[in-house]
């Protein structure tokens, strides 16, 4: 399966959700933000809980958060770690494990607080960027599709 077909399948799913474009896009943005945080194993639970509290579209929250998965987490957390340590100006002695699992947080904390701070700060920075960019992408996908479908 190539990237364009994955994106098209994803796009078809998200534009099929019921609700206003902003309602769906906000949910996806929240999921995108939480997916960047260094809390593997808790992404889905925390995003759906926050989505319910904020009364957002749960399906779009779920789709937003699952972009961070076993295949993408290593890249995402490595990049977030690099962003965080660059922003903080620290040089923690930490190597992202080859496999991201429930032991990830234990490994991070065993590496020292600077490693966790770097991951967290990088995750927050990239989470904000991801949330804003994804909000507008999803909003305009839905808005354009619905206006085209009506005409």
N, C-alpha and C. Protein backbone atom coordinates (compact mmCIF):
# COMPACT_ATOMS: atom_id res chain seq x y z
N UNK A 1 0.86 -1.18 0.00
CA UNK A 1 0.00 0.00 0.00
C UNK A 1 0.90 1.24 0.00
N UNK A 2 0.71 2.12 -0.97
CA UNK A 2 1.54 3.32 -1.07
C UNK A 2 0.91 4.49 -0.32
N UNK A 3 1.73 5.51 -0.11
CA UNK A 3 1.29 6.67 0.69
C UNK A 3 0.07 7.37 0.12
N UNK A 4 0.00 7.66 -1.18
CA UNK A 4 -1.20 8.32 -1.70
C UNK A 4 -2.49 7.53 -1.45
N UNK A 5 -2.43 6.21 -1.56
CA UNK A 5 -3.65 5.42 -1.31
C UNK A 5 -4.03 5.43 0.17
N UNK A 6 -3.03 5.45 1.04
CA UNK A 6 -3.31 5.55 2.49
C UNK A 6 -3.96 6.89 2.79
N UNK A 7 -3.43 7.96 2.22
CA UNK A 7 -4.00 9.30 2.45
C UNK A 7 -5.42 9.38 1.90
N UNK A 8 -5.64 8.84 0.71
CA UNK A 8 -7.00 8.87 0.14
C UNK A 8 -7.98 8.07 0.99
N UNK A 9 -7.56 6.92 1.48
CA UNK A 9 -8.44 6.12 2.34
C UNK A 9 -8.76 6.88 3.64
N UNK A 10 -7.73 7.47 4.21
CA UNK A 10 -7.90 8.27 5.42
C UNK A 10 -8.84 9.44 5.15
N UNK A 11 -8.65 10.11 4.03
CA UNK A 11 -9.47 11.27 3.67
C UNK A 11 -10.93 10.86 3.52
N UNK A 12 -11.19 9.73 2.86
CA UNK A 12 -12.57 9.25 2.71
C UNK A 12 -13.20 8.96 4.06
N UNK A 13 -12.42 8.40 4.98
CA UNK A 13 -12.95 8.12 6.31
C UNK A 13 -13.36 9.40 7.02
N UNK A 14 -12.45 10.36 7.05
CA UNK A 14 -12.69 11.56 7.85
C UNK A 14 -13.80 12.43 7.26
N UNK A 15 -13.93 12.48 5.94
CA UNK A 15 -15.00 13.31 5.38
C UNK A 15 -16.37 12.65 5.52
N UNK A 16 -16.37 11.37 5.89
CA UNK A 16 -17.66 10.69 6.08
C UNK A 16 -18.24 10.90 7.48
N UNK A 17 -17.46 11.47 8.39
CA UNK A 17 -17.94 11.68 9.76
C UNK A 17 -19.06 12.72 9.77
N UNK A 18 -20.00 12.52 10.68
CA UNK A 18 -21.10 13.48 10.82
C UNK A 18 -20.66 14.64 11.71
N UNK A 19 -21.15 15.81 11.39
CA UNK A 19 -20.86 17.00 12.19
C UNK A 19 -20.28 18.10 11.34
N UNK A 20 -20.20 19.26 11.95
CA UNK A 20 -19.64 20.42 11.27
C UNK A 20 -18.14 20.21 11.04
N UNK A 21 -17.59 20.80 9.98
CA UNK A 21 -16.16 20.65 9.72
C UNK A 21 -15.27 21.04 10.90
N UNK A 22 -15.61 22.13 11.59
CA UNK A 22 -14.80 22.57 12.73
C UNK A 22 -14.84 21.56 13.87
N UNK A 23 -16.00 20.96 14.09
CA UNK A 23 -16.18 19.95 15.15
C UNK A 23 -15.29 18.73 14.88
N UNK A 24 -15.27 18.28 13.65
CA UNK A 24 -14.46 17.13 13.28
C UNK A 24 -12.97 17.50 13.30
N UNK A 25 -12.63 18.66 12.76
CA UNK A 25 -11.24 19.10 12.69
C UNK A 25 -10.65 19.33 14.08
N UNK A 26 -11.44 19.85 15.01
CA UNK A 26 -10.95 20.05 16.39
C UNK A 26 -10.61 18.71 17.03
N UNK A 27 -11.44 17.71 16.81
CA UNK A 27 -11.16 16.39 17.35
C UNK A 27 -9.88 15.82 16.78
N UNK A 28 -9.70 15.95 15.48
CA UNK A 28 -8.49 15.45 14.84
C UNK A 28 -7.26 16.20 15.35
N UNK A 29 -7.39 17.50 15.54
CA UNK A 29 -6.28 18.30 16.05
C UNK A 29 -5.89 17.86 17.46
N UNK A 30 -6.88 17.60 18.30
CA UNK A 30 -6.58 17.12 19.66
C UNK A 30 -5.84 15.79 19.60
N UNK A 31 -6.33 14.86 18.79
CA UNK A 31 -5.66 13.58 18.64
C UNK A 31 -4.24 13.73 18.12
N UNK A 32 -4.04 14.64 17.18
CA UNK A 32 -2.71 14.90 16.63
C UNK A 32 -1.77 15.43 17.70
N UNK A 33 -2.27 16.33 18.54
CA UNK A 33 -1.46 16.88 19.62
C UNK A 33 -1.06 15.78 20.61
N UNK A 34 -2.01 15.02 21.07
CA UNK A 34 -1.73 13.98 22.07
C UNK A 34 -0.81 12.91 21.50
N UNK A 35 -0.96 12.61 20.22
CA UNK A 35 -0.10 11.62 19.59
C UNK A 35 1.37 11.99 19.60
N UNK A 36 1.69 13.26 19.77
CA UNK A 36 3.08 13.71 19.80
C UNK A 36 3.70 13.62 21.20
N UNK A 37 2.88 13.43 22.21
CA UNK A 37 3.39 13.39 23.58
C UNK A 37 4.04 12.04 23.87
N UNK A 38 5.06 12.02 24.73
CA UNK A 38 5.79 10.77 25.01
C UNK A 38 5.06 9.88 26.02
N UNK A 39 3.86 9.45 25.67
CA UNK A 39 3.08 8.59 26.58
C UNK A 39 2.55 7.35 25.85
N UNK A 40 3.44 6.58 25.18
CA UNK A 40 2.94 5.42 24.44
C UNK A 40 2.16 4.48 25.35
N UNK A 41 1.10 3.95 24.80
CA UNK A 41 0.23 3.08 25.58
C UNK A 41 -0.92 3.83 26.22
N UNK A 42 -0.79 5.14 26.30
CA UNK A 42 -1.83 5.95 26.92
C UNK A 42 -2.41 6.98 25.96
N UNK A 43 -1.91 7.00 24.73
CA UNK A 43 -2.39 7.97 23.75
C UNK A 43 -3.90 7.86 23.52
N UNK A 44 -4.35 6.66 23.23
CA UNK A 44 -5.76 6.47 22.88
C UNK A 44 -6.65 6.79 24.07
N UNK A 45 -6.33 6.23 25.23
CA UNK A 45 -7.14 6.47 26.42
C UNK A 45 -7.20 7.95 26.77
N UNK A 46 -6.06 8.61 26.80
CA UNK A 46 -6.05 10.03 27.17
C UNK A 46 -6.74 10.89 26.12
N UNK A 47 -6.56 10.57 24.84
CA UNK A 47 -7.20 11.39 23.80
C UNK A 47 -8.71 11.21 23.80
N UNK A 48 -9.18 9.98 23.97
CA UNK A 48 -10.63 9.77 23.99
C UNK A 48 -11.27 10.37 25.25
N UNK A 49 -10.55 10.31 26.37
CA UNK A 49 -11.06 10.92 27.60
C UNK A 49 -11.17 12.43 27.44
N UNK A 50 -10.10 13.05 26.96
CA UNK A 50 -10.13 14.51 26.74
C UNK A 50 -11.15 14.89 25.67
N UNK A 51 -11.22 14.08 24.62
CA UNK A 51 -12.21 14.34 23.56
C UNK A 51 -13.63 14.31 24.09
N UNK A 52 -13.92 13.36 24.98
CA UNK A 52 -15.26 13.27 25.58
C UNK A 52 -15.51 14.46 26.49
N UNK A 53 -14.52 14.84 27.29
CA UNK A 53 -14.69 15.99 28.19
C UNK A 53 -14.91 17.28 27.41
N UNK A 54 -14.23 17.41 26.28
CA UNK A 54 -14.35 18.62 25.46
C UNK A 54 -15.47 18.51 24.43
N UNK A 55 -16.18 17.38 24.44
CA UNK A 55 -17.31 17.13 23.53
C UNK A 55 -16.90 17.27 22.06
N UNK A 56 -15.82 16.56 21.72
CA UNK A 56 -15.33 16.55 20.35
C UNK A 56 -15.70 15.24 19.67
N UNK A 57 -15.58 15.20 18.36
CA UNK A 57 -15.87 13.99 17.60
C UNK A 57 -14.86 12.91 17.96
N UNK A 58 -15.34 11.84 18.60
CA UNK A 58 -14.45 10.79 19.09
C UNK A 58 -13.75 10.04 17.97
N UNK A 59 -14.44 9.85 16.85
CA UNK A 59 -13.81 9.15 15.72
C UNK A 59 -12.63 9.96 15.16
N UNK A 60 -12.81 11.27 15.06
CA UNK A 60 -11.72 12.08 14.52
C UNK A 60 -10.57 12.20 15.53
N UNK A 61 -10.89 12.22 16.83
CA UNK A 61 -9.84 12.21 17.86
C UNK A 61 -9.02 10.93 17.71
N UNK A 62 -9.71 9.81 17.56
CA UNK A 62 -9.05 8.51 17.43
C UNK A 62 -8.16 8.48 16.18
N UNK A 63 -8.69 8.94 15.05
CA UNK A 63 -7.88 8.95 13.82
C UNK A 63 -6.66 9.85 13.96
N UNK A 64 -6.82 10.96 14.67
CA UNK A 64 -5.69 11.87 14.87
C UNK A 64 -4.59 11.26 15.71
N UNK A 65 -4.96 10.51 16.72
CA UNK A 65 -3.96 9.96 17.63
C UNK A 65 -3.28 8.71 17.07
N UNK A 66 -3.97 7.93 16.24
CA UNK A 66 -3.34 6.69 15.78
C UNK A 66 -2.30 6.91 14.68
N UNK A 67 -2.09 8.15 14.28
CA UNK A 67 -0.97 8.41 13.37
C UNK A 67 0.34 8.07 14.06
N UNK A 68 0.36 8.16 15.39
CA UNK A 68 1.52 7.72 16.15
C UNK A 68 1.26 6.27 16.52
N UNK A 69 1.94 5.37 15.85
CA UNK A 69 1.72 3.94 16.06
C UNK A 69 3.07 3.23 16.06
N UNK A 70 3.05 1.91 16.09
CA UNK A 70 4.31 1.15 16.15
C UNK A 70 5.24 1.45 14.97
N UNK A 71 4.68 1.83 13.85
CA UNK A 71 5.50 2.08 12.67
C UNK A 71 6.07 3.50 12.64
N UNK A 72 5.37 4.45 13.24
CA UNK A 72 5.79 5.85 13.16
C UNK A 72 6.38 6.39 14.46
N UNK A 73 6.16 5.71 15.57
CA UNK A 73 6.55 6.25 16.88
C UNK A 73 8.05 6.47 17.00
N UNK A 74 8.86 5.55 16.51
CA UNK A 74 10.31 5.72 16.60
C UNK A 74 10.77 7.00 15.93
N UNK A 75 10.28 7.24 14.73
CA UNK A 75 10.64 8.46 14.00
C UNK A 75 10.11 9.70 14.72
N UNK A 76 8.84 9.66 15.12
CA UNK A 76 8.22 10.82 15.76
C UNK A 76 8.92 11.17 17.06
N UNK A 77 9.15 10.17 17.93
CA UNK A 77 9.78 10.46 19.22
C UNK A 77 11.24 10.86 19.06
N UNK A 78 11.94 10.29 18.08
CA UNK A 78 13.33 10.70 17.83
C UNK A 78 13.38 12.17 17.42
N UNK A 79 12.49 12.55 16.52
CA UNK A 79 12.45 13.94 16.06
C UNK A 79 12.04 14.87 17.21
N UNK A 80 11.03 14.49 17.97
CA UNK A 80 10.59 15.30 19.11
C UNK A 80 11.70 15.45 20.14
N UNK A 81 12.44 14.37 20.38
CA UNK A 81 13.57 14.40 21.31
C UNK A 81 14.62 15.40 20.83
N UNK A 82 14.95 15.34 19.54
CA UNK A 82 15.93 16.26 18.98
C UNK A 82 15.45 17.71 19.09
N UNK A 83 14.18 17.96 18.77
CA UNK A 83 13.61 19.31 18.89
C UNK A 83 13.68 19.77 20.35
N UNK A 84 13.27 18.91 21.27
CA UNK A 84 13.26 19.27 22.69
C UNK A 84 14.64 19.57 23.24
N UNK A 85 15.61 18.71 22.93
CA UNK A 85 16.96 18.95 23.47
C UNK A 85 17.59 20.17 22.81
N UNK A 86 17.27 20.43 21.55
CA UNK A 86 17.77 21.65 20.89
C UNK A 86 17.15 22.89 21.53
N UNK A 87 15.86 22.84 21.81
CA UNK A 87 15.16 23.97 22.42
C UNK A 87 15.67 24.23 23.83
N UNK A 88 15.88 23.15 24.60
CA UNK A 88 16.33 23.29 25.98
C UNK A 88 17.84 23.51 26.10
N UNK A 89 18.58 23.18 25.05
CA UNK A 89 20.03 23.32 25.09
C UNK A 89 20.71 22.29 25.97
N UNK A 90 20.10 21.11 26.10
CA UNK A 90 20.67 20.05 26.93
C UNK A 90 21.26 18.95 26.05
N UNK A 91 22.06 18.11 26.64
CA UNK A 91 22.64 16.96 25.94
C UNK A 91 22.45 15.69 26.77
N UNK A 92 21.20 15.29 27.00
CA UNK A 92 20.98 14.08 27.79
C UNK A 92 21.54 12.85 27.08
N UNK A 93 21.96 11.88 27.86
CA UNK A 93 22.49 10.63 27.32
C UNK A 93 21.32 9.67 27.16
N UNK A 94 20.70 9.70 25.99
CA UNK A 94 19.52 8.87 25.76
C UNK A 94 19.47 8.46 24.30
N UNK A 95 19.13 7.21 24.08
CA UNK A 95 18.96 6.70 22.72
C UNK A 95 17.55 6.14 22.62
N UNK A 96 16.80 6.58 21.61
CA UNK A 96 15.44 6.06 21.41
C UNK A 96 15.54 4.56 21.15
N UNK A 97 14.78 3.75 21.90
CA UNK A 97 14.83 2.30 21.67
C UNK A 97 14.32 1.93 20.28
N UNK A 98 14.79 0.79 19.77
CA UNK A 98 14.35 0.32 18.44
C UNK A 98 12.86 0.03 18.41
N UNK A 99 12.32 -0.45 19.52
CA UNK A 99 10.89 -0.73 19.61
C UNK A 99 10.27 0.15 20.68
N UNK A 100 9.15 0.75 20.36
CA UNK A 100 8.43 1.56 21.33
C UNK A 100 7.37 0.66 21.96
N UNK A 101 7.45 0.52 23.28
CA UNK A 101 6.51 -0.35 23.99
C UNK A 101 6.10 0.32 25.29
N UNK A 102 5.39 -0.45 26.12
CA UNK A 102 4.97 0.08 27.41
C UNK A 102 6.17 0.39 28.30
N UNK A 103 7.33 -0.21 28.02
CA UNK A 103 8.54 0.06 28.80
C UNK A 103 9.20 1.39 28.41
N UNK A 104 8.68 2.04 27.40
CA UNK A 104 9.30 3.26 26.89
C UNK A 104 9.48 4.30 27.99
N UNK A 105 8.42 4.58 28.75
CA UNK A 105 8.52 5.60 29.81
C UNK A 105 9.53 5.20 30.87
N UNK A 106 9.58 3.90 31.20
CA UNK A 106 10.56 3.43 32.19
C UNK A 106 11.98 3.68 31.68
N UNK A 107 12.20 3.38 30.41
CA UNK A 107 13.52 3.59 29.80
C UNK A 107 13.87 5.08 29.79
N UNK A 108 12.90 5.91 29.46
CA UNK A 108 13.14 7.36 29.44
C UNK A 108 13.50 7.86 30.83
N UNK A 109 12.70 7.48 31.83
CA UNK A 109 12.97 7.96 33.19
C UNK A 109 14.28 7.41 33.73
N UNK A 110 14.65 6.20 33.35
CA UNK A 110 15.93 5.63 33.77
C UNK A 110 17.10 6.41 33.16
N UNK A 111 16.85 7.07 32.05
CA UNK A 111 17.90 7.86 31.38
C UNK A 111 18.07 9.24 32.00
N UNK A 112 17.18 9.60 32.91
CA UNK A 112 17.29 10.89 33.58
C UNK A 112 16.18 11.85 33.19
N UNK A 113 15.98 12.82 34.04
CA UNK A 113 14.89 13.78 33.85
C UNK A 113 15.11 14.62 32.59
N UNK A 114 16.37 14.88 32.23
CA UNK A 114 16.64 15.68 31.03
C UNK A 114 16.11 15.00 29.77
N UNK A 115 16.20 13.67 29.73
CA UNK A 115 15.69 12.93 28.56
C UNK A 115 14.18 13.09 28.47
N UNK A 116 13.49 12.93 29.60
CA UNK A 116 12.03 13.08 29.59
C UNK A 116 11.64 14.52 29.25
N UNK A 117 12.33 15.49 29.84
CA UNK A 117 12.03 16.89 29.55
C UNK A 117 12.21 17.19 28.06
N UNK A 118 13.26 16.66 27.47
CA UNK A 118 13.50 16.88 26.03
C UNK A 118 12.38 16.28 25.20
N UNK A 119 11.97 15.06 25.53
CA UNK A 119 10.87 14.42 24.81
C UNK A 119 9.56 15.17 25.00
N UNK A 120 9.30 15.61 26.22
CA UNK A 120 8.06 16.31 26.51
C UNK A 120 8.00 17.67 25.82
N UNK A 121 9.06 18.44 25.94
CA UNK A 121 9.09 19.77 25.31
C UNK A 121 9.01 19.63 23.79
N UNK A 122 9.77 18.70 23.23
CA UNK A 122 9.69 18.46 21.79
C UNK A 122 8.31 18.00 21.37
N UNK A 123 7.70 17.14 22.19
CA UNK A 123 6.35 16.66 21.90
C UNK A 123 5.32 17.78 21.95
N UNK A 124 5.46 18.67 22.91
CA UNK A 124 4.52 19.80 23.01
C UNK A 124 4.69 20.74 21.81
N UNK A 125 5.93 21.06 21.47
CA UNK A 125 6.18 21.94 20.33
C UNK A 125 5.62 21.33 19.05
N UNK A 126 5.98 20.08 18.79
CA UNK A 126 5.52 19.43 17.56
C UNK A 126 4.03 19.13 17.62
N UNK A 127 3.51 18.90 18.83
CA UNK A 127 2.08 18.67 18.99
C UNK A 127 1.26 19.90 18.63
N UNK A 128 1.73 21.06 19.05
CA UNK A 128 1.04 22.31 18.71
C UNK A 128 1.07 22.54 17.20
N UNK A 129 2.24 22.36 16.61
CA UNK A 129 2.36 22.54 15.15
C UNK A 129 1.48 21.54 14.43
N UNK A 130 1.54 20.28 14.85
CA UNK A 130 0.73 19.23 14.22
C UNK A 130 -0.76 19.51 14.36
N UNK A 131 -1.18 19.95 15.54
CA UNK A 131 -2.60 20.23 15.77
C UNK A 131 -3.09 21.35 14.87
N UNK A 132 -2.34 22.43 14.78
CA UNK A 132 -2.76 23.57 13.96
C UNK A 132 -2.80 23.19 12.48
N UNK A 133 -1.73 22.58 12.00
CA UNK A 133 -1.68 22.20 10.58
C UNK A 133 -2.78 21.21 10.25
N UNK A 134 -2.94 20.18 11.08
CA UNK A 134 -3.96 19.16 10.81
C UNK A 134 -5.37 19.70 10.94
N UNK A 135 -5.59 20.64 11.84
CA UNK A 135 -6.92 21.25 11.95
C UNK A 135 -7.32 21.85 10.60
N UNK A 136 -6.45 22.67 10.03
CA UNK A 136 -6.79 23.34 8.78
C UNK A 136 -6.89 22.37 7.60
N UNK A 137 -6.03 21.38 7.56
CA UNK A 137 -6.12 20.39 6.48
C UNK A 137 -7.46 19.67 6.53
N UNK A 138 -7.82 19.15 7.70
CA UNK A 138 -9.08 18.41 7.84
C UNK A 138 -10.28 19.33 7.61
N UNK A 139 -10.24 20.51 8.18
CA UNK A 139 -11.34 21.46 8.01
C UNK A 139 -11.60 21.72 6.52
N UNK A 140 -10.55 22.03 5.77
CA UNK A 140 -10.73 22.34 4.35
C UNK A 140 -11.05 21.12 3.51
N UNK A 141 -10.54 19.95 3.88
CA UNK A 141 -10.94 18.72 3.17
C UNK A 141 -12.45 18.55 3.25
N UNK A 142 -12.97 18.63 4.48
CA UNK A 142 -14.40 18.41 4.69
C UNK A 142 -15.22 19.51 4.02
N UNK A 143 -14.83 20.75 4.25
CA UNK A 143 -15.57 21.88 3.69
C UNK A 143 -15.60 21.82 2.16
N UNK A 144 -14.46 21.57 1.54
CA UNK A 144 -14.39 21.49 0.08
C UNK A 144 -15.18 20.31 -0.45
N UNK A 145 -15.07 19.17 0.20
CA UNK A 145 -15.81 17.99 -0.26
C UNK A 145 -17.31 18.22 -0.18
N UNK A 146 -17.76 18.77 0.94
CA UNK A 146 -19.20 18.98 1.11
C UNK A 146 -19.73 20.05 0.17
N UNK A 147 -18.97 21.10 -0.08
CA UNK A 147 -19.46 22.13 -1.01
C UNK A 147 -19.45 21.58 -2.44
N UNK A 148 -18.51 20.74 -2.77
CA UNK A 148 -18.46 20.12 -4.09
C UNK A 148 -19.59 19.10 -4.24
N UNK A 149 -19.86 18.33 -3.19
CA UNK A 149 -20.91 17.31 -3.23
C UNK A 149 -22.30 17.93 -3.37
N UNK A 150 -22.49 19.13 -2.80
CA UNK A 150 -23.79 19.81 -2.86
C UNK A 150 -24.03 20.39 -4.25
N UNK A 151 -22.98 20.90 -4.87
CA UNK A 151 -23.16 21.57 -6.18
C UNK A 151 -23.26 20.61 -7.34
